[in-house]
């Protein structure tokens, strides 16, 4: 069994505000974006529902970036990766 890499997750303030005790910067171990979501859910139950839909896939209004690239749940993470979770902005 390989050890999961250490990553840094950057969460948007609007999401952090919904989960008391959550921080904008979270350090955790995760080998994929899906494992990262599982880790966030373990820390703050209900966060998965804010990030993912029932397919499961990342919700349309949520964007997840690693190294400037928009990624999906299956994206593999490397040691030291910074994962940015952003809410989409829309309007007219």
PDB file of N, CA and C in Angstrom:
ATOM      1  N   UNK A   1       0.844  -1.181   0.000  1.00  0.00           N
ATOM      2  CA  UNK A   1       0.000   0.000   0.000  1.00  0.00           C
ATOM      3  C   UNK A   1       0.887   1.241   0.000  1.00  0.00           C
ATOM      4  N   UNK A   2       0.644   2.147  -0.946  1.00  0.00           N
ATOM      5  CA  UNK A   2       1.440   3.369  -1.002  1.00  0.00           C
ATOM      6  C   UNK A   2       0.821   4.424  -0.098  1.00  0.00           C
ATOM      7  N   UNK A   3       1.679   5.227   0.467  1.00  0.00           N
ATOM      8  CA  UNK A   3       1.218   6.292   1.345  1.00  0.00           C
ATOM      9  C   UNK A   3       0.649   7.424   0.505  1.00  0.00           C
ATOM     10  N   UNK A   4      -0.425   8.010   0.974  1.00  0.00           N
ATOM     11  CA  UNK A   4      -1.039   9.135   0.259  1.00  0.00           C
ATOM     12  C   UNK A   4      -0.187  10.379   0.463  1.00  0.00           C
ATOM     13  N   UNK A   5      -0.107  11.210  -0.571  1.00  0.00           N
ATOM     14  CA  UNK A   5       0.719  12.422  -0.454  1.00  0.00           C
ATOM     15  C   UNK A   5       0.085  13.484   0.433  1.00  0.00           C
ATOM     16  N   UNK A   6       0.935  14.337   0.986  1.00  0.00           N
ATOM     17  CA  UNK A   6       0.468  15.511   1.727  1.00  0.00           C
ATOM     18  C   UNK A   6       0.108  16.597   0.731  1.00  0.00           C
ATOM     19  N   UNK A   7      -1.077  17.155   0.876  1.00  0.00           N
ATOM     20  CA  UNK A   7      -1.522  18.234  -0.006  1.00  0.00           C
ATOM     21  C   UNK A   7      -2.033  19.397   0.839  1.00  0.00           C
ATOM     22  N   UNK A   8      -2.196  20.529   0.177  1.00  0.00           N
ATOM     23  CA  UNK A   8      -2.796  21.712   0.797  1.00  0.00           C
ATOM     24  C   UNK A   8      -4.051  22.044   0.004  1.00  0.00           C
ATOM     25  N   UNK A   9      -5.149  22.210   0.713  1.00  0.00           N
ATOM     26  CA  UNK A   9      -6.426  22.553   0.080  1.00  0.00           C
ATOM     27  C   UNK A   9      -6.758  23.989   0.460  1.00  0.00           C
ATOM     28  N   UNK A  10      -7.073  24.810  -0.523  1.00  0.00           N
ATOM     29  CA  UNK A  10      -7.499  26.197  -0.314  1.00  0.00           C
ATOM     30  C   UNK A  10      -8.985  26.287  -0.602  1.00  0.00           C
ATOM     31  N   UNK A  11      -9.751  26.632   0.427  1.00  0.00           N
ATOM     32  CA  UNK A  11     -11.205  26.692   0.306  1.00  0.00           C
ATOM     33  C   UNK A  11     -11.685  28.139   0.233  1.00  0.00           C
ATOM     34  N   UNK A  12     -12.780  28.382  -0.497  1.00  0.00           N
ATOM     35  CA  UNK A  12     -13.324  29.744  -0.576  1.00  0.00           C
ATOM     36  C   UNK A  12     -14.022  30.131   0.725  1.00  0.00           C
ATOM     37  N   UNK A  13     -13.980  31.409   1.052  1.00  0.00           N
ATOM     38  CA  UNK A  13     -14.593  31.909   2.287  1.00  0.00           C
ATOM     39  C   UNK A  13     -16.072  31.558   2.365  1.00  0.00           C
ATOM     40  N   UNK A  14     -16.781  31.630   1.262  1.00  0.00           N
ATOM     41  CA  UNK A  14     -18.215  31.358   1.274  1.00  0.00           C
ATOM     42  C   UNK A  14     -18.504  29.923   1.721  1.00  0.00           C
ATOM     43  N   UNK A  15     -17.635  28.990   1.374  1.00  0.00           N
ATOM     44  CA  UNK A  15     -17.801  27.601   1.792  1.00  0.00           C
ATOM     45  C   UNK A  15     -17.393  27.423   3.255  1.00  0.00           C
ATOM     46  N   UNK A  16     -16.288  28.029   3.636  1.00  0.00           N
ATOM     47  CA  UNK A  16     -15.805  27.940   5.019  1.00  0.00           C
ATOM     48  C   UNK A  16     -16.844  28.494   5.995  1.00  0.00           C
ATOM     49  N   UNK A  17     -17.530  29.548   5.600  1.00  0.00           N
ATOM     50  CA  UNK A  17     -18.544  30.165   6.462  1.00  0.00           C
ATOM     51  C   UNK A  17     -19.687  29.207   6.806  1.00  0.00           C
ATOM     52  N   UNK A  18     -19.925  28.210   5.958  1.00  0.00           N
ATOM     53  CA  UNK A  18     -21.011  27.259   6.189  1.00  0.00           C
ATOM     54  C   UNK A  18     -20.644  26.158   7.177  1.00  0.00           C
ATOM     55  N   UNK A  19     -19.335  26.013   7.471  1.00  0.00           N
ATOM     56  CA  UNK A  19     -18.865  24.920   8.306  1.00  0.00           C
ATOM     57  C   UNK A  19     -18.018  25.459   9.453  1.00  0.00           C
ATOM     58  N   UNK A  20     -18.617  25.615  10.634  1.00  0.00           N
ATOM     59  CA  UNK A  20     -17.878  26.127  11.788  1.00  0.00           C
ATOM     60  C   UNK A  20     -16.612  25.307  12.053  1.00  0.00           C
ATOM     61  N   UNK A  21     -15.512  26.016  12.253  1.00  0.00           N
ATOM     62  CA  UNK A  21     -14.233  25.362  12.507  1.00  0.00           C
ATOM     63  C   UNK A  21     -13.416  25.095  11.260  1.00  0.00           C
ATOM     64  N   UNK A  22     -14.037  25.223  10.092  1.00  0.00           N
ATOM     65  CA  UNK A  22     -13.301  25.011   8.844  1.00  0.00           C
ATOM     66  C   UNK A  22     -12.368  26.187   8.610  1.00  0.00           C
ATOM     67  N   UNK A  23     -11.237  25.919   7.978  1.00  0.00           N
ATOM     68  CA  UNK A  23     -10.279  26.965   7.661  1.00  0.00           C
ATOM     69  C   UNK A  23     -10.147  27.154   6.172  1.00  0.00           C
ATOM     70  N   UNK A  24      -9.621  28.283   5.777  1.00  0.00           N
ATOM     71  CA  UNK A  24      -9.392  28.550   4.344  1.00  0.00           C
ATOM     72  C   UNK A  24      -8.262  27.685   3.805  1.00  0.00           C
ATOM     73  N   UNK A  25      -7.344  27.250   4.687  1.00  0.00           N
ATOM     74  CA  UNK A  25      -6.195  26.419   4.294  1.00  0.00           C
ATOM     75  C   UNK A  25      -6.236  25.142   5.118  1.00  0.00           C
ATOM     76  N   UNK A  26      -6.273  23.999   4.422  1.00  0.00           N
ATOM     77  CA  UNK A  26      -6.358  22.713   5.096  1.00  0.00           C
ATOM     78  C   UNK A  26      -5.233  21.818   4.570  1.00  0.00           C
ATOM     79  N   UNK A  27      -4.466  21.245   5.474  1.00  0.00           N
ATOM     80  CA  UNK A  27      -3.444  20.267   5.091  1.00  0.00           C
ATOM     81  C   UNK A  27      -4.000  18.882   5.353  1.00  0.00           C
ATOM     82  N   UNK A  28      -3.826  17.985   4.385  1.00  0.00           N
ATOM     83  CA  UNK A  28      -4.324  16.616   4.535  1.00  0.00           C
ATOM     84  C   UNK A  28      -3.562  15.683   3.615  1.00  0.00           C
ATOM     85  N   UNK A  29      -3.867  14.417   3.743  1.00  0.00           N
ATOM     86  CA  UNK A  29      -3.326  13.402   2.842  1.00  0.00           C
ATOM     87  C   UNK A  29      -4.445  12.972   1.905  1.00  0.00           C
ATOM     88  N   UNK A  30      -4.147  12.929   0.620  1.00  0.00           N
ATOM     89  CA  UNK A  30      -5.123  12.476  -0.376  1.00  0.00           C
ATOM     90  C   UNK A  30      -4.393  12.135  -1.656  1.00  0.00           C
ATOM     91  N   UNK A  31      -4.733  11.005  -2.256  1.00  0.00           N
ATOM     92  CA  UNK A  31      -4.111  10.581  -3.503  1.00  0.00           C
ATOM     93  C   UNK A  31      -4.841  11.048  -4.742  1.00  0.00           C
ATOM     94  N   UNK A  32      -6.121  11.412  -4.574  1.00  0.00           N
ATOM     95  CA  UNK A  32      -6.932  11.919  -5.681  1.00  0.00           C
ATOM     96  C   UNK A  32      -7.824  13.038  -5.155  1.00  0.00           C
ATOM     97  N   UNK A  33      -8.432  13.761  -6.069  1.00  0.00           N
ATOM     98  CA  UNK A  33      -9.379  14.802  -5.662  1.00  0.00           C
ATOM     99  C   UNK A  33     -10.560  14.161  -4.930  1.00  0.00           C
ATOM    100  N   UNK A  34     -10.985  12.982  -5.352  1.00  0.00           N
ATOM    101  CA  UNK A  34     -12.085  12.290  -4.666  1.00  0.00           C
ATOM    102  C   UNK A  34     -11.706  11.979  -3.215  1.00  0.00           C
ATOM    103  N   UNK A  35     -10.472  11.540  -2.985  1.00  0.00           N
ATOM    104  CA  UNK A  35     -10.015  11.288  -1.614  1.00  0.00           C
ATOM    105  C   UNK A  35      -9.949  12.585  -0.810  1.00  0.00           C
ATOM    106  N   UNK A  36      -9.596  13.675  -1.473  1.00  0.00           N
ATOM    107  CA  UNK A  36      -9.588  14.977  -0.806  1.00  0.00           C
ATOM    108  C   UNK A  36     -11.002  15.333  -0.344  1.00  0.00           C
ATOM    109  N   UNK A  37     -11.989  15.128  -1.217  1.00  0.00           N
ATOM    110  CA  UNK A  37     -13.383  15.406  -0.859  1.00  0.00           C
ATOM    111  C   UNK A  37     -13.801  14.515   0.314  1.00  0.00           C
ATOM    112  N   UNK A  38     -13.395  13.240   0.291  1.00  0.00           N
ATOM    113  CA  UNK A  38     -13.694  12.339   1.406  1.00  0.00           C
ATOM    114  C   UNK A  38     -13.090  12.867   2.703  1.00  0.00           C
ATOM    115  N   UNK A  39     -11.858  13.374   2.628  1.00  0.00           N
ATOM    116  CA  UNK A  39     -11.194  13.926   3.801  1.00  0.00           C
ATOM    117  C   UNK A  39     -11.901  15.160   4.336  1.00  0.00           C
ATOM    118  N   UNK A  40     -12.335  16.022   3.438  1.00  0.00           N
ATOM    119  CA  UNK A  40     -13.079  17.212   3.858  1.00  0.00           C
ATOM    120  C   UNK A  40     -14.412  16.824   4.483  1.00  0.00           C
ATOM    121  N   UNK A  41     -15.059  15.821   3.920  1.00  0.00           N
ATOM    122  CA  UNK A  41     -16.329  15.332   4.463  1.00  0.00           C
ATOM    123  C   UNK A  41     -16.132  14.757   5.863  1.00  0.00           C
ATOM    124  N   UNK A  42     -15.019  14.064   6.087  1.00  0.00           N
ATOM    125  CA  UNK A  42     -14.740  13.493   7.408  1.00  0.00           C
ATOM    126  C   UNK A  42     -14.539  14.605   8.445  1.00  0.00           C
ATOM    127  N   UNK A  43     -13.913  15.695   8.024  1.00  0.00           N
ATOM    128  CA  UNK A  43     -13.680  16.823   8.933  1.00  0.00           C
ATOM    129  C   UNK A  43     -14.947  17.636   9.167  1.00  0.00           C
ATOM    130  N   UNK A  44     -15.706  17.865   8.097  1.00  0.00           N
ATOM    131  CA  UNK A  44     -16.898  18.706   8.162  1.00  0.00           C
ATOM    132  C   UNK A  44     -18.035  18.029   7.395  1.00  0.00           C
ATOM    133  N   UNK A  45     -18.812  17.167   8.089  1.00  0.00           N
ATOM    134  CA  UNK A  45     -19.915  16.467   7.424  1.00  0.00           C
ATOM    135  C   UNK A  45     -20.844  17.433   6.683  1.00  0.00           C
ATOM    136  N   UNK A  46     -21.173  17.046   5.468  1.00  0.00           N
ATOM    137  CA  UNK A  46     -22.020  17.874   4.619  1.00  0.00           C
ATOM    138  C   UNK A  46     -21.244  18.609   3.542  1.00  0.00           C
ATOM    139  N   UNK A  47     -19.919  18.673   3.695  1.00  0.00           N
ATOM    140  CA  UNK A  47     -19.134  19.408   2.699  1.00  0.00           C
ATOM    141  C   UNK A  47     -19.169  18.711   1.338  1.00  0.00           C
ATOM    142  N   UNK A  48     -19.202  17.371   1.332  1.00  0.00           N
ATOM    143  CA  UNK A  48     -19.254  16.651   0.051  1.00  0.00           C
ATOM    144  C   UNK A  48     -20.456  17.114  -0.768  1.00  0.00           C
ATOM    145  N   UNK A  49     -21.607  17.277  -0.111  1.00  0.00           N
ATOM    146  CA  UNK A  49     -22.809  17.702  -0.833  1.00  0.00           C
ATOM    147  C   UNK A  49     -22.668  19.100  -1.416  1.00  0.00           C
ATOM    148  N   UNK A  50     -21.852  19.928  -0.821  1.00  0.00           N
ATOM    149  CA  UNK A  50     -21.609  21.281  -1.351  1.00  0.00           C
ATOM    150  C   UNK A  50     -20.656  21.248  -2.545  1.00  0.00           C
ATOM    151  N   UNK A  51     -19.791  20.225  -2.596  1.00  0.00           N
ATOM    152  CA  UNK A  51     -18.774  20.146  -3.645  1.00  0.00           C
ATOM    153  C   UNK A  51     -19.169  19.238  -4.804  1.00  0.00           C
ATOM    154  N   UNK A  52     -19.931  18.178  -4.511  1.00  0.00           N
ATOM    155  CA  UNK A  52     -20.226  17.162  -5.529  1.00  0.00           C
ATOM    156  C   UNK A  52     -21.722  16.952  -5.689  1.00  0.00           C
ATOM    157  N   UNK A  53     -22.093  16.506  -6.889  1.00  0.00           N
ATOM    158  CA  UNK A  53     -23.489  16.150  -7.138  1.00  0.00           C
ATOM    159  C   UNK A  53     -23.654  14.642  -6.968  1.00  0.00           C
ATOM    160  N   UNK A  54     -24.783  14.095  -7.362  1.00  0.00           N
ATOM    161  CA  UNK A  54     -25.089  12.690  -7.126  1.00  0.00           C
ATOM    162  C   UNK A  54     -24.474  11.724  -8.136  1.00  0.00           C
ATOM    163  N   UNK A  55     -23.819  12.214  -9.193  1.00  0.00           N
ATOM    164  CA  UNK A  55     -23.277  11.308 -10.224  1.00  0.00           C
ATOM    165  C   UNK A  55     -22.178  10.384  -9.741  1.00  0.00           C
ATOM    166  N   UNK A  56     -21.228  10.566  -8.984  1.00  0.00           N
ATOM    167  CA  UNK A  56     -20.747  11.823  -8.412  1.00  0.00           C
ATOM    168  C   UNK A  56     -19.776  12.533  -9.358  1.00  0.00           C
ATOM    169  N   UNK A  57     -19.854  13.827  -9.333  1.00  0.00           N
ATOM    170  CA  UNK A  57     -18.940  14.701 -10.076  1.00  0.00           C
ATOM    171  C   UNK A  57     -18.910  16.032  -9.331  1.00  0.00           C
ATOM    172  N   UNK A  58     -17.900  16.811  -9.609  1.00  0.00           N
ATOM    173  CA  UNK A  58     -17.820  18.140  -8.999  1.00  0.00           C
ATOM    174  C   UNK A  58     -18.986  18.968  -9.534  1.00  0.00           C
ATOM    175  N   UNK A  59     -19.672  19.659  -8.650  1.00  0.00           N
ATOM    176  CA  UNK A  59     -20.829  20.470  -9.051  1.00  0.00           C
ATOM    177  C   UNK A  59     -20.443  21.515 -10.106  1.00  0.00           C
ATOM    178  N   UNK A  60     -21.416  21.889 -10.914  1.00  0.00           N
ATOM    179  CA  UNK A  60     -21.182  22.856 -12.001  1.00  0.00           C
ATOM    180  C   UNK A  60     -20.671  24.190 -11.502  1.00  0.00           C
ATOM    181  N   UNK A  61     -21.122  24.640 -10.348  1.00  0.00           N
ATOM    182  CA  UNK A  61     -20.736  25.961  -9.854  1.00  0.00           C
ATOM    183  C   UNK A  61     -19.459  25.932  -9.003  1.00  0.00           C
ATOM    184  N   UNK A  62     -18.826  24.766  -8.915  1.00  0.00           N
ATOM    185  CA  UNK A  62     -17.577  24.615  -8.172  1.00  0.00           C
ATOM    186  C   UNK A  62     -16.467  24.283  -9.165  1.00  0.00           C
ATOM    187  N   UNK A  63     -15.326  24.918  -9.019  1.00  0.00           N
ATOM    188  CA  UNK A  63     -14.157  24.614  -9.842  1.00  0.00           C
ATOM    189  C   UNK A  63     -13.019  24.198  -8.931  1.00  0.00           C
ATOM    190  N   UNK A  64     -12.314  23.135  -9.331  1.00  0.00           N
ATOM    191  CA  UNK A  64     -11.165  22.644  -8.575  1.00  0.00           C
ATOM    192  C   UNK A  64      -9.949  22.713  -9.503  1.00  0.00           C
ATOM    193  N   UNK A  65      -8.903  23.381  -9.020  1.00  0.00           N
ATOM    194  CA  UNK A  65      -7.692  23.575  -9.821  1.00  0.00           C
ATOM    195  C   UNK A  65      -6.474  23.019  -9.102  1.00  0.00           C
ATOM    196  N   UNK A  66      -5.596  22.374  -9.868  1.00  0.00           N
ATOM    197  CA  UNK A  66      -4.289  21.932  -9.399  1.00  0.00           C
ATOM    198  C   UNK A  66      -3.283  22.392 -10.453  1.00  0.00           C
ATOM    199  N   UNK A  67      -2.274  23.112 -10.039  1.00  0.00           N
ATOM    200  CA  UNK A  67      -1.263  23.643 -10.966  1.00  0.00           C
ATOM    201  C   UNK A  67      -1.891  24.419 -12.119  1.00  0.00           C
ATOM    202  N   UNK A  68      -2.930  25.200 -11.825  1.00  0.00           N
ATOM    203  CA  UNK A  68      -3.560  26.042 -12.834  1.00  0.00           C
ATOM    204  C   UNK A  68      -4.470  25.301 -13.790  1.00  0.00           C
ATOM    205  N   UNK A  69      -4.671  24.007 -13.571  1.00  0.00           N
ATOM    206  CA  UNK A  69      -5.498  23.196 -14.462  1.00  0.00           C
ATOM    207  C   UNK A  69      -6.775  22.795 -13.736  1.00  0.00           C
ATOM    208  N   UNK A  70      -7.902  22.977 -14.408  1.00  0.00           N
ATOM    209  CA  UNK A  70      -9.187  22.537 -13.832  1.00  0.00           C
ATOM    210  C   UNK A  70      -9.216  21.010 -13.874  1.00  0.00           C
ATOM    211  N   UNK A  71      -9.551  20.386 -12.738  1.00  0.00           N
ATOM    212  CA  UNK A  71      -9.483  18.935 -12.635  1.00  0.00           C
ATOM    213  C   UNK A  71     -10.817  18.344 -12.181  1.00  0.00           C
ATOM    214  N   UNK A  72     -10.911  17.019 -12.324  1.00  0.00           N
ATOM    215  CA  UNK A  72     -12.100  16.272 -11.912  1.00  0.00           C
ATOM    216  C   UNK A  72     -11.756  15.393 -10.719  1.00  0.00           C
ATOM    217  N   UNK A  73     -12.743  14.658 -10.216  1.00  0.00           N
ATOM    218  CA  UNK A  73     -12.571  13.845  -9.017  1.00  0.00           C
ATOM    219  C   UNK A  73     -11.465  12.809  -9.136  1.00  0.00           C
ATOM    220  N   UNK A  74     -11.253  12.245 -10.310  1.00  0.00           N
ATOM    221  CA  UNK A  74     -10.250  11.193 -10.488  1.00  0.00           C
ATOM    222  C   UNK A  74      -8.821  11.682 -10.618  1.00  0.00           C
ATOM    223  N   UNK A  75      -8.619  12.986 -10.636  1.00  0.00           N
ATOM    224  CA  UNK A  75      -7.275  13.543 -10.821  1.00  0.00           C
ATOM    225  C   UNK A  75      -6.354  13.092  -9.696  1.00  0.00           C
ATOM    226  N   UNK A  76      -5.172  12.573 -10.058  1.00  0.00           N
ATOM    227  CA  UNK A  76      -4.188  12.127  -9.074  1.00  0.00           C
ATOM    228  C   UNK A  76      -3.437  13.315  -8.509  1.00  0.00           C
ATOM    229  N   UNK A  77      -3.201  13.275  -7.213  1.00  0.00           N
ATOM    230  CA  UNK A  77      -2.481  14.345  -6.531  1.00  0.00           C
ATOM    231  C   UNK A  77      -1.088  13.883  -6.147  1.00  0.00           C
ATOM    232  N   UNK A  78      -0.149  14.827  -6.170  1.00  0.00           N
ATOM    233  CA  UNK A  78       1.238  14.548  -5.812  1.00  0.00           C
ATOM    234  C   UNK A  78       1.586  15.265  -4.514  1.00  0.00           C
ATOM    235  N   UNK A  79       2.604  14.780  -3.853  1.00  0.00           N
ATOM    236  CA  UNK A  79       3.056  15.392  -2.609  1.00  0.00           C
ATOM    237  C   UNK A  79       3.325  16.878  -2.826  1.00  0.00           C
ATOM    238  N   UNK A  80       2.750  17.691  -1.955  1.00  0.00           N
ATOM    239  CA  UNK A  80       2.951  19.133  -2.026  1.00  0.00           C
ATOM    240  C   UNK A  80       1.995  19.881  -2.927  1.00  0.00           C
ATOM    241  N   UNK A  81       1.113  19.174  -3.623  1.00  0.00           N
ATOM    242  CA  UNK A  81       0.144  19.870  -4.485  1.00  0.00           C
ATOM    243  C   UNK A  81      -0.723  20.821  -3.664  1.00  0.00           C
ATOM    244  N   UNK A  82      -1.036  21.962  -4.268  1.00  0.00           N
ATOM    245  CA  UNK A  82      -2.015  22.883  -3.704  1.00  0.00           C
ATOM    246  C   UNK A  82      -3.263  22.768  -4.561  1.00  0.00           C
ATOM    247  N   UNK A  83      -4.369  22.475  -3.910  1.00  0.00           N
ATOM    248  CA  UNK A  83      -5.645  22.308  -4.590  1.00  0.00           C
ATOM    249  C   UNK A  83      -6.501  23.510  -4.245  1.00  0.00           C
ATOM    250  N   UNK A  84      -6.947  24.227  -5.257  1.00  0.00           N
ATOM    251  CA  UNK A  84      -7.780  25.414  -5.055  1.00  0.00           C
ATOM    252  C   UNK A  84      -9.213  25.064  -5.410  1.00  0.00           C
ATOM    253  N   UNK A  85     -10.098  25.240  -4.445  1.00  0.00           N
ATOM    254  CA  UNK A  85     -11.535  25.049  -4.661  1.00  0.00           C
ATOM    255  C   UNK A  85     -12.134  26.452  -4.763  1.00  0.00           C
ATOM    256  N   UNK A  86     -12.759  26.722  -5.905  1.00  0.00           N
ATOM    257  CA  UNK A  86     -13.322  28.040  -6.163  1.00  0.00           C
ATOM    258  C   UNK A  86     -14.789  27.924  -6.537  1.00  0.00           C
ATOM    259  N   UNK A  87     -15.548  28.913  -6.160  1.00  0.00           N
ATOM    260  CA  UNK A  87     -16.938  28.965  -6.593  1.00  0.00           C
ATOM    261  C   UNK A  87     -17.010  29.773  -7.879  1.00  0.00           C
ATOM    262  N   UNK A  88     -17.824  29.302  -8.788  1.00  0.00           N
ATOM    263  CA  UNK A  88     -17.987  29.994 -10.071  1.00  0.00           C
ATOM    264  C   UNK A  88     -18.761  31.289  -9.840  1.00  0.00           C
ATOM    265  N   UNK A  89     -18.446  32.281 -10.636  1.00  0.00           N
ATOM    266  CA  UNK A  89     -19.133  33.559 -10.587  1.00  0.00           C
ATOM    267  C   UNK A  89     -19.933  33.705 -11.856  1.00  0.00           C
ATOM    268  N   UNK A  90     -21.220  34.018 -11.700  1.00  0.00           N
ATOM    269  CA  UNK A  90     -22.045  34.202 -12.891  1.00  0.00           C
ATOM    270  C   UNK A  90     -22.866  35.472 -12.711  1.00  0.00           C
ATOM    271  N   UNK A  91     -23.391  35.902 -13.782  1.00  0.00           N
ATOM    272  CA  UNK A  91     -24.208  37.110 -13.732  1.00  0.00           C
ATOM    273  C   UNK A  91     -24.464  37.640 -15.114  1.00  0.00           C
ATOM    274  N   UNK A  92     -25.108  38.742 -15.157  1.00  0.00           N
ATOM    275  CA  UNK A  92     -25.442  39.270 -16.476  1.00  0.00           C
ATOM    276  C   UNK A  92     -25.161  40.711 -16.585  1.00  0.00           C
TER     277      UNK A  92
END
